[in-house]
Amino acid sequence: MENPNMQGMPVSQPKKSNTGLIIAIVVAVLLCCCCILVGGGAAIYYKAQSSVSDIYSSLNEQLTALPNEIPSLQDLTLEPPSFDATSEPGSPNATQPPLNLNIPSDTVPQGGLGDDILRTQAWTYSLLTVAMSGCSVPTAKDTTIEVLEKPDANGVWKERWTVACGDSKTIPVDITFTPSSGGGTDISVTLAK
């Protein structure tokens, strides 16, 4: 039986809840964001991995070729160190020429104040530094060395190596050589400012 007081009044339908639709949209948006982040992260990872792999391959090729190009110990003729004529051998003021092992210029950059051993160590540290800056194919023979500061009273000096990265790109690094109290030389490499 109909209520006589309700005659002619519009009957309202119960409201439908859109909660399920809203939750589905939010979940879809979150999934899309996650996919974009994961895809972007994966792309960055694979690009970095590829760059490091290229540098590793380049180093491996250079190091593999190195034994064929370095003279044997029997062929090396190292002269005894010559000292500054104004000081006695063994005194702190005595100067000694850098050791030269005739390492080819396409393996280690040439120039600067260090001997072949120091340049080889500095080149290794430089390769690690420039690899993080996108230098995918560093080339020793096209890398230049400029002495920024001559050795001070403590024997510390600085050089700027402009590393050739192939594709006409160069990355300058500043290298500080510090004589170690235990003998040898400490090498510090930073990107040039």
N, C-alpha and C. Protein backbone atom coordinates (compact mmCIF):
# COMPACT_ATOMS: atom_id res chain seq x y z
N MET A 1 0.81 -1.16 0.00
CA MET A 1 0.00 0.00 0.00
C MET A 1 0.86 1.24 0.00
N GLU A 2 0.44 2.17 -0.78
CA GLU A 2 1.23 3.39 -0.90
C GLU A 2 0.87 4.36 0.18
N ASN A 3 1.86 5.09 0.55
CA ASN A 3 1.63 6.12 1.56
C ASN A 3 1.00 7.31 0.85
N PRO A 4 -0.17 7.74 1.31
CA PRO A 4 -0.84 8.84 0.64
C PRO A 4 -0.07 10.14 0.75
N ASN A 5 0.76 10.30 1.72
CA ASN A 5 1.49 11.56 1.88
C ASN A 5 2.67 11.64 0.91
N MET A 6 3.08 10.54 0.31
CA MET A 6 4.24 10.50 -0.56
C MET A 6 3.87 10.54 -2.03
N GLN A 7 2.64 10.68 -2.31
CA GLN A 7 2.22 10.67 -3.70
C GLN A 7 2.71 11.91 -4.40
N GLY A 8 3.20 11.73 -5.59
CA GLY A 8 3.67 12.83 -6.41
C GLY A 8 5.08 13.29 -6.07
N MET A 9 5.69 12.74 -5.07
CA MET A 9 7.06 13.14 -4.71
C MET A 9 8.03 12.23 -5.46
N PRO A 10 9.13 12.83 -5.93
CA PRO A 10 10.10 12.00 -6.63
C PRO A 10 10.76 11.02 -5.67
N VAL A 11 10.94 9.86 -6.17
CA VAL A 11 11.55 8.82 -5.35
C VAL A 11 13.07 8.90 -5.60
N SER A 12 13.85 9.08 -4.56
CA SER A 12 15.30 9.19 -4.73
C SER A 12 15.92 7.80 -4.68
N GLN A 13 16.87 7.63 -5.57
CA GLN A 13 17.59 6.37 -5.65
C GLN A 13 18.74 6.43 -4.63
N PRO A 14 19.12 5.31 -4.06
CA PRO A 14 20.27 5.35 -3.15
C PRO A 14 21.54 5.67 -3.95
N LYS A 15 22.44 6.48 -3.36
CA LYS A 15 23.69 6.88 -4.03
C LYS A 15 24.59 5.68 -4.20
N LYS A 16 25.20 5.61 -5.40
CA LYS A 16 26.17 4.55 -5.65
C LYS A 16 27.52 5.03 -5.15
N SER A 17 28.23 4.15 -4.58
CA SER A 17 29.55 4.49 -4.05
C SER A 17 30.59 4.34 -5.16
N ASN A 18 31.47 5.35 -5.36
CA ASN A 18 32.55 5.32 -6.35
C ASN A 18 33.88 4.94 -5.69
N THR A 19 33.82 4.44 -4.49
CA THR A 19 35.04 4.10 -3.75
C THR A 19 35.88 3.08 -4.51
N GLY A 20 35.28 2.07 -5.04
CA GLY A 20 36.01 1.04 -5.80
C GLY A 20 36.69 1.62 -7.01
N LEU A 21 36.02 2.52 -7.74
CA LEU A 21 36.60 3.15 -8.92
C LEU A 21 37.78 4.04 -8.54
N ILE A 22 37.64 4.79 -7.47
CA ILE A 22 38.72 5.68 -7.02
C ILE A 22 39.94 4.85 -6.60
N ILE A 23 39.72 3.77 -5.89
CA ILE A 23 40.84 2.92 -5.47
C ILE A 23 41.54 2.32 -6.69
N ALA A 24 40.77 1.89 -7.67
CA ALA A 24 41.35 1.31 -8.89
C ALA A 24 42.21 2.35 -9.63
N ILE A 25 41.74 3.59 -9.71
CA ILE A 25 42.49 4.64 -10.40
C ILE A 25 43.80 4.94 -9.65
N VAL A 26 43.71 5.04 -8.32
CA VAL A 26 44.90 5.32 -7.52
C VAL A 26 45.92 4.19 -7.67
N VAL A 27 45.47 2.95 -7.64
CA VAL A 27 46.37 1.82 -7.79
C VAL A 27 47.01 1.84 -9.19
N ALA A 28 46.22 2.13 -10.21
CA ALA A 28 46.75 2.18 -11.58
C ALA A 28 47.82 3.28 -11.71
N VAL A 29 47.57 4.45 -11.13
CA VAL A 29 48.53 5.55 -11.19
C VAL A 29 49.82 5.15 -10.46
N LEU A 30 49.69 4.55 -9.29
CA LEU A 30 50.87 4.12 -8.53
C LEU A 30 51.67 3.07 -9.30
N LEU A 31 50.98 2.13 -9.93
CA LEU A 31 51.67 1.12 -10.73
C LEU A 31 52.42 1.74 -11.90
N CYS A 32 51.79 2.71 -12.55
CA CYS A 32 52.46 3.40 -13.68
C CYS A 32 53.70 4.13 -13.19
N CYS A 33 53.60 4.81 -12.04
CA CYS A 33 54.76 5.53 -11.49
C CYS A 33 55.88 4.55 -11.15
N CYS A 34 55.53 3.43 -10.56
CA CYS A 34 56.54 2.43 -10.22
C CYS A 34 57.22 1.89 -11.48
N CYS A 35 56.42 1.62 -12.50
CA CYS A 35 57.00 1.11 -13.75
C CYS A 35 57.95 2.13 -14.37
N ILE A 36 57.58 3.40 -14.33
CA ILE A 36 58.44 4.45 -14.88
C ILE A 36 59.74 4.53 -14.09
N LEU A 37 59.63 4.50 -12.75
CA LEU A 37 60.84 4.57 -11.91
C LEU A 37 61.74 3.36 -12.12
N VAL A 38 61.16 2.18 -12.16
CA VAL A 38 61.95 0.97 -12.35
C VAL A 38 62.58 0.97 -13.74
N GLY A 39 61.82 1.35 -14.74
CA GLY A 39 62.34 1.40 -16.11
C GLY A 39 63.46 2.41 -16.24
N GLY A 40 63.29 3.60 -15.66
CA GLY A 40 64.33 4.64 -15.69
C GLY A 40 65.57 4.19 -14.93
N GLY A 41 65.36 3.60 -13.76
CA GLY A 41 66.49 3.10 -12.97
C GLY A 41 67.26 2.02 -13.71
N ALA A 42 66.51 1.13 -14.36
CA ALA A 42 67.16 0.05 -15.12
C ALA A 42 67.95 0.64 -16.29
N ALA A 43 67.39 1.64 -16.96
CA ALA A 43 68.09 2.27 -18.08
C ALA A 43 69.38 2.92 -17.61
N ILE A 44 69.34 3.62 -16.49
CA ILE A 44 70.54 4.27 -15.94
C ILE A 44 71.56 3.20 -15.55
N TYR A 45 71.09 2.14 -14.91
CA TYR A 45 71.99 1.06 -14.49
C TYR A 45 72.70 0.44 -15.70
N TYR A 46 71.93 0.12 -16.75
CA TYR A 46 72.53 -0.52 -17.91
C TYR A 46 73.47 0.42 -18.65
N LYS A 47 73.16 1.72 -18.68
CA LYS A 47 74.06 2.69 -19.32
C LYS A 47 75.36 2.79 -18.54
N ALA A 48 75.27 2.87 -17.20
CA ALA A 48 76.48 2.94 -16.37
C ALA A 48 77.28 1.65 -16.50
N GLN A 49 76.59 0.52 -16.51
CA GLN A 49 77.28 -0.77 -16.63
C GLN A 49 78.00 -0.85 -17.98
N SER A 50 77.36 -0.37 -19.02
CA SER A 50 77.95 -0.39 -20.35
C SER A 50 79.20 0.50 -20.39
N SER A 51 79.11 1.69 -19.77
CA SER A 51 80.25 2.61 -19.75
C SER A 51 81.42 2.01 -19.00
N VAL A 52 81.14 1.45 -17.83
CA VAL A 52 82.21 0.81 -17.05
C VAL A 52 82.78 -0.37 -17.81
N SER A 53 81.94 -1.13 -18.49
CA SER A 53 82.40 -2.27 -19.27
C SER A 53 83.31 -1.82 -20.41
N ASP A 54 82.95 -0.70 -21.07
CA ASP A 54 83.79 -0.18 -22.15
C ASP A 54 85.16 0.23 -21.63
N ILE A 55 85.17 0.90 -20.48
CA ILE A 55 86.44 1.34 -19.90
C ILE A 55 87.27 0.13 -19.49
N TYR A 56 86.62 -0.86 -18.88
CA TYR A 56 87.32 -2.07 -18.49
C TYR A 56 87.94 -2.76 -19.71
N SER A 57 87.18 -2.83 -20.80
CA SER A 57 87.68 -3.45 -22.02
C SER A 57 88.88 -2.68 -22.57
N SER A 58 88.77 -1.35 -22.55
CA SER A 58 89.87 -0.51 -23.03
C SER A 58 91.12 -0.72 -22.18
N LEU A 59 90.95 -0.73 -20.86
CA LEU A 59 92.08 -0.97 -19.97
C LEU A 59 92.67 -2.36 -20.20
N ASN A 60 91.79 -3.33 -20.35
CA ASN A 60 92.25 -4.70 -20.57
C ASN A 60 93.07 -4.79 -21.85
N GLU A 61 92.61 -4.12 -22.92
CA GLU A 61 93.36 -4.13 -24.17
C GLU A 61 94.72 -3.48 -24.00
N GLN A 62 94.74 -2.33 -23.28
CA GLN A 62 96.00 -1.64 -23.08
C GLN A 62 96.95 -2.48 -22.24
N LEU A 63 96.42 -3.10 -21.18
CA LEU A 63 97.29 -3.89 -20.32
C LEU A 63 97.75 -5.18 -21.00
N THR A 64 96.92 -5.73 -21.87
CA THR A 64 97.32 -6.93 -22.61
C THR A 64 98.44 -6.60 -23.59
N ALA A 65 98.37 -5.43 -24.21
CA ALA A 65 99.39 -5.03 -25.17
C ALA A 65 100.67 -4.58 -24.48
N LEU A 66 100.58 -4.19 -23.22
CA LEU A 66 101.71 -3.63 -22.50
C LEU A 66 102.92 -4.56 -22.44
N PRO A 67 102.79 -5.84 -22.07
CA PRO A 67 103.98 -6.69 -21.99
C PRO A 67 104.74 -6.80 -23.30
N ASN A 68 104.08 -6.70 -24.43
CA ASN A 68 104.76 -6.80 -25.72
C ASN A 68 105.54 -5.54 -26.04
N GLU A 69 105.16 -4.42 -25.42
CA GLU A 69 105.78 -3.15 -25.76
C GLU A 69 106.85 -2.71 -24.76
N ILE A 70 106.85 -3.28 -23.58
CA ILE A 70 107.85 -2.92 -22.58
C ILE A 70 109.09 -3.76 -22.82
N PRO A 71 110.24 -3.12 -22.83
CA PRO A 71 111.46 -3.90 -23.05
C PRO A 71 111.70 -4.87 -21.89
N SER A 72 112.37 -5.95 -22.17
CA SER A 72 112.67 -6.91 -21.11
C SER A 72 113.69 -6.30 -20.16
N LEU A 73 113.80 -6.87 -18.99
CA LEU A 73 114.74 -6.35 -18.01
C LEU A 73 116.17 -6.44 -18.53
N GLN A 74 116.46 -7.43 -19.35
CA GLN A 74 117.80 -7.57 -19.90
C GLN A 74 118.12 -6.43 -20.87
N ASP A 75 117.07 -5.91 -21.54
CA ASP A 75 117.28 -4.83 -22.51
C ASP A 75 117.36 -3.46 -21.85
N LEU A 76 116.89 -3.36 -20.63
CA LEU A 76 116.89 -2.06 -19.94
C LEU A 76 118.31 -1.71 -19.50
N THR A 77 118.69 -0.51 -19.78
CA THR A 77 119.97 -0.02 -19.30
C THR A 77 119.68 1.19 -18.43
N LEU A 78 119.65 0.97 -17.16
CA LEU A 78 119.40 2.06 -16.23
C LEU A 78 120.73 2.64 -15.79
N GLU A 79 120.85 3.92 -15.95
CA GLU A 79 122.07 4.58 -15.51
C GLU A 79 121.97 4.87 -14.03
N PRO A 80 123.10 4.87 -13.34
CA PRO A 80 123.03 5.24 -11.93
C PRO A 80 122.56 6.68 -11.82
N PRO A 81 121.84 6.99 -10.73
CA PRO A 81 121.31 8.33 -10.61
C PRO A 81 122.42 9.37 -10.57
N SER A 82 122.17 10.49 -11.24
CA SER A 82 123.11 11.60 -11.16
C SER A 82 122.55 12.61 -10.17
N PHE A 83 123.43 13.21 -9.42
CA PHE A 83 123.00 14.13 -8.39
C PHE A 83 123.37 15.56 -8.76
N ASP A 84 122.68 16.48 -8.15
CA ASP A 84 122.96 17.90 -8.34
C ASP A 84 124.40 18.14 -7.89
N ALA A 85 125.16 18.83 -8.72
CA ALA A 85 126.58 19.04 -8.42
C ALA A 85 126.80 19.89 -7.19
N THR A 86 125.79 20.64 -6.77
CA THR A 86 125.96 21.53 -5.62
C THR A 86 125.68 20.84 -4.30
N SER A 87 125.26 19.61 -4.32
CA SER A 87 124.97 18.91 -3.07
C SER A 87 125.57 17.52 -3.09
N GLU A 88 125.77 16.97 -1.93
CA GLU A 88 126.34 15.64 -1.83
C GLU A 88 125.27 14.58 -2.07
N PRO A 89 125.64 13.47 -2.68
CA PRO A 89 124.66 12.39 -2.85
C PRO A 89 124.12 11.95 -1.49
N GLY A 90 122.83 11.72 -1.42
CA GLY A 90 122.19 11.28 -0.18
C GLY A 90 121.67 12.43 0.67
N SER A 91 122.08 13.67 0.36
CA SER A 91 121.58 14.80 1.15
C SER A 91 120.16 15.12 0.70
N PRO A 92 119.36 15.78 1.55
CA PRO A 92 117.97 16.08 1.17
C PRO A 92 117.86 16.99 -0.04
N ASN A 93 118.91 17.73 -0.35
CA ASN A 93 118.85 18.67 -1.48
C ASN A 93 119.29 18.03 -2.79
N ALA A 94 119.76 16.79 -2.72
CA ALA A 94 120.22 16.11 -3.93
C ALA A 94 119.03 15.84 -4.84
N THR A 95 119.17 16.11 -6.11
CA THR A 95 118.08 15.86 -7.06
C THR A 95 118.45 14.69 -7.94
N GLN A 96 117.45 13.94 -8.28
CA GLN A 96 117.65 12.73 -9.07
C GLN A 96 116.71 12.80 -10.27
N PRO A 97 117.18 12.42 -11.46
CA PRO A 97 116.28 12.45 -12.61
C PRO A 97 115.21 11.37 -12.47
N PRO A 98 114.06 11.59 -13.11
CA PRO A 98 113.03 10.56 -13.04
C PRO A 98 113.46 9.29 -13.75
N LEU A 99 112.97 8.16 -13.27
CA LEU A 99 113.25 6.87 -13.87
C LEU A 99 112.46 6.77 -15.18
N ASN A 100 113.12 6.36 -16.25
CA ASN A 100 112.45 6.26 -17.53
C ASN A 100 112.55 4.81 -18.01
N LEU A 101 111.39 4.14 -18.09
CA LEU A 101 111.35 2.76 -18.55
C LEU A 101 110.95 2.65 -20.01
N ASN A 102 110.87 3.79 -20.70
CA ASN A 102 110.49 3.84 -22.11
C ASN A 102 109.13 3.19 -22.38
N ILE A 103 108.16 3.50 -21.53
CA ILE A 103 106.79 3.01 -21.75
C ILE A 103 106.21 3.79 -22.92
N PRO A 104 105.61 3.12 -23.89
CA PRO A 104 105.08 3.79 -25.08
C PRO A 104 104.02 4.85 -24.75
N SER A 105 103.99 5.91 -25.56
CA SER A 105 103.08 7.02 -25.31
C SER A 105 101.62 6.65 -25.51
N ASP A 106 101.33 5.57 -26.23
CA ASP A 106 99.93 5.19 -26.41
C ASP A 106 99.42 4.36 -25.24
N THR A 107 100.30 4.05 -24.28
CA THR A 107 99.90 3.29 -23.11
C THR A 107 99.73 4.18 -21.89
N VAL A 108 100.64 5.12 -21.71
CA VAL A 108 100.62 6.05 -20.58
C VAL A 108 100.96 7.43 -21.12
N PRO A 109 100.25 8.48 -20.67
CA PRO A 109 100.57 9.84 -21.16
C PRO A 109 102.02 10.21 -20.88
N GLN A 110 102.58 11.05 -21.73
CA GLN A 110 103.98 11.47 -21.60
C GLN A 110 104.04 12.91 -21.11
N GLY A 111 105.09 13.23 -20.35
CA GLY A 111 105.31 14.59 -19.86
C GLY A 111 105.18 14.66 -18.35
N GLY A 112 105.20 15.86 -17.84
CA GLY A 112 105.09 16.06 -16.40
C GLY A 112 106.42 15.80 -15.71
N LEU A 113 106.39 15.83 -14.38
CA LEU A 113 107.61 15.69 -13.59
C LEU A 113 107.86 14.27 -13.09
N GLY A 114 106.86 13.42 -13.15
CA GLY A 114 107.00 12.07 -12.63
C GLY A 114 107.70 11.14 -13.59
N ASP A 115 108.23 10.05 -13.04
CA ASP A 115 108.85 9.04 -13.89
C ASP A 115 107.76 8.12 -14.46
N ASP A 116 108.17 7.12 -15.22
CA ASP A 116 107.20 6.22 -15.87
C ASP A 116 106.31 5.52 -14.85
N ILE A 117 106.87 5.14 -13.72
CA ILE A 117 106.08 4.44 -12.71
C ILE A 117 105.01 5.36 -12.12
N LEU A 118 105.39 6.59 -11.75
CA LEU A 118 104.40 7.53 -11.19
C LEU A 118 103.32 7.88 -12.22
N ARG A 119 103.74 8.08 -13.48
CA ARG A 119 102.75 8.40 -14.52
C ARG A 119 101.79 7.24 -14.73
N THR A 120 102.29 6.01 -14.66
CA THR A 120 101.42 4.84 -14.82
C THR A 120 100.42 4.76 -13.68
N GLN A 121 100.88 4.99 -12.45
CA GLN A 121 99.97 4.98 -11.30
C GLN A 121 98.95 6.12 -11.41
N ALA A 122 99.42 7.31 -11.75
CA ALA A 122 98.52 8.46 -11.88
C ALA A 122 97.51 8.23 -13.00
N TRP A 123 97.93 7.61 -14.09
CA TRP A 123 97.04 7.31 -15.21
C TRP A 123 95.93 6.37 -14.76
N THR A 124 96.28 5.36 -13.97
CA THR A 124 95.29 4.42 -13.46
C THR A 124 94.25 5.13 -12.61
N TYR A 125 94.70 6.00 -11.69
CA TYR A 125 93.77 6.74 -10.84
C TYR A 125 92.92 7.71 -11.68
N SER A 126 93.54 8.30 -12.70
CA SER A 126 92.81 9.23 -13.57
C SER A 126 91.71 8.52 -14.34
N LEU A 127 91.99 7.30 -14.79
CA LEU A 127 90.99 6.53 -15.53
C LEU A 127 89.76 6.27 -14.67
N LEU A 128 89.99 5.95 -13.41
CA LEU A 128 88.86 5.72 -12.50
C LEU A 128 88.05 7.00 -12.30
N THR A 129 88.74 8.13 -12.19
CA THR A 129 88.06 9.41 -11.96
C THR A 129 87.25 9.84 -13.17
N VAL A 130 87.84 9.77 -14.37
CA VAL A 130 87.13 10.25 -15.56
C VAL A 130 86.03 9.29 -15.99
N ALA A 131 86.13 8.02 -15.60
CA ALA A 131 85.08 7.05 -15.94
C ALA A 131 83.76 7.47 -15.32
N MET A 132 83.82 8.02 -14.13
CA MET A 132 82.60 8.45 -13.45
C MET A 132 82.03 9.72 -14.06
N SER A 133 82.78 10.37 -14.94
CA SER A 133 82.32 11.60 -15.58
C SER A 133 81.95 11.38 -17.04
N GLY A 134 81.85 10.12 -17.45
CA GLY A 134 81.37 9.82 -18.79
C GLY A 134 82.45 9.67 -19.85
N CYS A 135 83.68 9.56 -19.45
CA CYS A 135 84.76 9.35 -20.43
C CYS A 135 84.82 7.86 -20.74
N SER A 136 84.28 7.48 -21.89
CA SER A 136 84.14 6.06 -22.17
C SER A 136 85.37 5.43 -22.82
N VAL A 137 86.16 6.21 -23.57
CA VAL A 137 87.34 5.65 -24.22
C VAL A 137 88.54 6.59 -24.00
N PRO A 138 89.13 6.57 -22.80
CA PRO A 138 90.28 7.44 -22.55
C PRO A 138 91.49 7.02 -23.39
N THR A 139 92.19 8.02 -23.93
CA THR A 139 93.31 7.75 -24.82
C THR A 139 94.57 8.39 -24.24
N ALA A 140 95.56 7.58 -23.95
CA ALA A 140 96.80 8.07 -23.33
C ALA A 140 97.59 8.97 -24.27
N LYS A 141 97.72 8.57 -25.53
CA LYS A 141 98.59 9.32 -26.43
C LYS A 141 98.08 10.73 -26.72
N ASP A 142 96.78 10.97 -26.56
CA ASP A 142 96.22 12.30 -26.81
C ASP A 142 95.99 13.09 -25.51
N THR A 143 96.35 12.51 -24.39
CA THR A 143 96.20 13.18 -23.10
C THR A 143 97.42 14.08 -22.89
N THR A 144 97.15 15.32 -22.43
CA THR A 144 98.24 16.27 -22.21
C THR A 144 98.47 16.47 -20.72
N ILE A 145 99.72 16.80 -20.37
CA ILE A 145 100.09 17.02 -18.97
C ILE A 145 100.70 18.42 -18.86
N GLU A 146 100.19 19.19 -17.91
CA GLU A 146 100.70 20.54 -17.65
C GLU A 146 101.08 20.61 -16.16
N VAL A 147 102.29 21.07 -15.86
CA VAL A 147 102.72 21.22 -14.48
C VAL A 147 102.11 22.52 -13.95
N LEU A 148 101.25 22.40 -12.93
CA LEU A 148 100.62 23.57 -12.33
C LEU A 148 101.50 24.20 -11.25
N GLU A 149 102.11 23.35 -10.43
CA GLU A 149 102.99 23.83 -9.36
C GLU A 149 104.23 22.95 -9.32
N LYS A 150 105.40 23.57 -9.37
CA LYS A 150 106.66 22.84 -9.24
C LYS A 150 106.79 22.34 -7.80
N PRO A 151 107.67 21.36 -7.56
CA PRO A 151 107.82 20.83 -6.20
C PRO A 151 108.17 21.92 -5.19
N ASP A 152 107.44 21.91 -4.07
CA ASP A 152 107.71 22.87 -3.00
C ASP A 152 108.80 22.31 -2.07
N ALA A 153 109.00 22.94 -0.93
CA ALA A 153 110.05 22.52 0.01
C ALA A 153 109.84 21.08 0.49
N ASN A 154 108.58 20.63 0.51
CA ASN A 154 108.28 19.26 0.95
C ASN A 154 108.27 18.27 -0.21
N GLY A 155 108.52 18.76 -1.43
CA GLY A 155 108.54 17.88 -2.60
C GLY A 155 107.18 17.66 -3.24
N VAL A 156 106.14 18.39 -2.78
CA VAL A 156 104.78 18.23 -3.32
C VAL A 156 104.66 19.06 -4.60
N TRP A 157 104.07 18.46 -5.65
CA TRP A 157 103.80 19.22 -6.87
C TRP A 157 102.46 18.82 -7.44
N LYS A 158 101.94 19.69 -8.33
CA LYS A 158 100.62 19.46 -8.93
C LYS A 158 100.72 19.54 -10.44
N GLU A 159 99.93 18.67 -11.07
CA GLU A 159 99.85 18.67 -12.53
C GLU A 159 98.38 18.61 -12.95
N ARG A 160 98.08 19.16 -14.10
CA ARG A 160 96.74 19.03 -14.69
C ARG A 160 96.87 18.14 -15.92
N TRP A 161 96.14 17.04 -15.87
CA TRP A 161 96.10 16.12 -17.00
C TRP A 161 94.77 16.33 -17.71
N THR A 162 94.81 16.66 -18.98
CA THR A 162 93.60 16.80 -19.77
C THR A 162 93.43 15.49 -20.54
N VAL A 163 92.52 14.66 -20.02
CA VAL A 163 92.34 13.31 -20.53
C VAL A 163 91.48 13.34 -21.79
N ALA A 164 92.01 12.82 -22.87
CA ALA A 164 91.27 12.71 -24.13
C ALA A 164 90.34 11.50 -24.03
N CYS A 165 89.06 11.74 -24.34
CA CYS A 165 88.05 10.67 -24.17
C CYS A 165 87.54 10.15 -25.50
N GLY A 166 88.26 10.31 -26.56
CA GLY A 166 87.73 9.94 -27.86
C GLY A 166 86.70 11.00 -28.26
N ASP A 167 85.89 10.79 -29.19
CA ASP A 167 84.81 11.68 -29.65
C ASP A 167 85.04 13.17 -29.33
N SER A 168 86.28 13.66 -29.42
CA SER A 168 86.66 15.07 -29.22
C SER A 168 86.34 15.61 -27.84
N LYS A 169 86.01 14.76 -26.90
CA LYS A 169 85.70 15.20 -25.54
C LYS A 169 86.95 15.06 -24.68
N THR A 170 87.19 16.03 -23.80
CA THR A 170 88.30 15.95 -22.86
C THR A 170 87.79 16.25 -21.46
N ILE A 171 88.43 15.65 -20.47
CA ILE A 171 88.09 15.89 -19.07
C ILE A 171 89.39 16.19 -18.33
N PRO A 172 89.52 17.42 -17.77
CA PRO A 172 90.74 17.75 -17.03
C PRO A 172 90.67 17.24 -15.58
N VAL A 173 91.79 16.71 -15.12
CA VAL A 173 91.91 16.28 -13.73
C VAL A 173 93.16 16.91 -13.14
N ASP A 174 93.09 17.26 -11.86
CA ASP A 174 94.24 17.79 -11.14
C ASP A 174 94.83 16.66 -10.30
N ILE A 175 96.13 16.50 -10.42
CA ILE A 175 96.82 15.41 -9.72
C ILE A 175 97.88 16.02 -8.80
N THR A 176 97.82 15.62 -7.52
CA THR A 176 98.81 16.08 -6.55
C THR A 176 99.71 14.91 -6.19
N PHE A 177 101.02 15.13 -6.30
CA PHE A 177 102.02 14.12 -5.97
C PHE A 177 102.67 14.55 -4.65
N THR A 178 102.56 13.70 -3.63
CA THR A 178 103.09 14.01 -2.31
C THR A 178 104.05 12.91 -1.87
N PRO A 179 105.34 13.27 -1.65
CA PRO A 179 106.27 12.24 -1.16
C PRO A 179 105.77 11.67 0.17
N SER A 180 105.82 10.35 0.27
CA SER A 180 105.34 9.66 1.47
C SER A 180 106.48 9.54 2.48
N SER A 181 106.13 9.61 3.76
CA SER A 181 107.16 9.52 4.79
C SER A 181 107.82 8.13 4.80
N GLY A 182 107.11 7.11 4.34
CA GLY A 182 107.65 5.75 4.30
C GLY A 182 108.34 5.43 2.99
N GLY A 183 108.53 6.42 2.14
CA GLY A 183 109.11 6.19 0.82
C GLY A 183 108.00 6.12 -0.21
N GLY A 184 108.30 6.36 -1.43
CA GLY A 184 107.29 6.36 -2.48
C GLY A 184 106.59 7.72 -2.57
N THR A 185 105.52 7.76 -3.32
CA THR A 185 104.77 8.99 -3.54
C THR A 185 103.28 8.69 -3.48
N ASP A 186 102.55 9.52 -2.72
CA ASP A 186 101.09 9.41 -2.68
C ASP A 186 100.54 10.25 -3.82
N ILE A 187 99.48 9.74 -4.47
CA ILE A 187 98.88 10.40 -5.62
C ILE A 187 97.41 10.65 -5.33
N SER A 188 96.99 11.90 -5.53
CA SER A 188 95.60 12.28 -5.33
C SER A 188 95.07 12.87 -6.63
N VAL A 189 93.93 12.35 -7.12
CA VAL A 189 93.36 12.81 -8.39
C VAL A 189 91.95 13.35 -8.13
N THR A 190 91.68 14.57 -8.62
CA THR A 190 90.35 15.17 -8.53
C THR A 190 90.00 15.79 -9.87
N LEU A 191 88.71 15.89 -10.14
CA LEU A 191 88.27 16.58 -11.35
C LEU A 191 88.66 18.05 -11.23
N ALA A 192 89.19 18.64 -12.29
CA ALA A 192 89.59 20.05 -12.28
C ALA A 192 88.35 20.93 -12.21
N LYS A 193 88.49 22.03 -11.54
CA LYS A 193 87.35 22.96 -11.39
C LYS A 193 87.36 23.98 -12.48
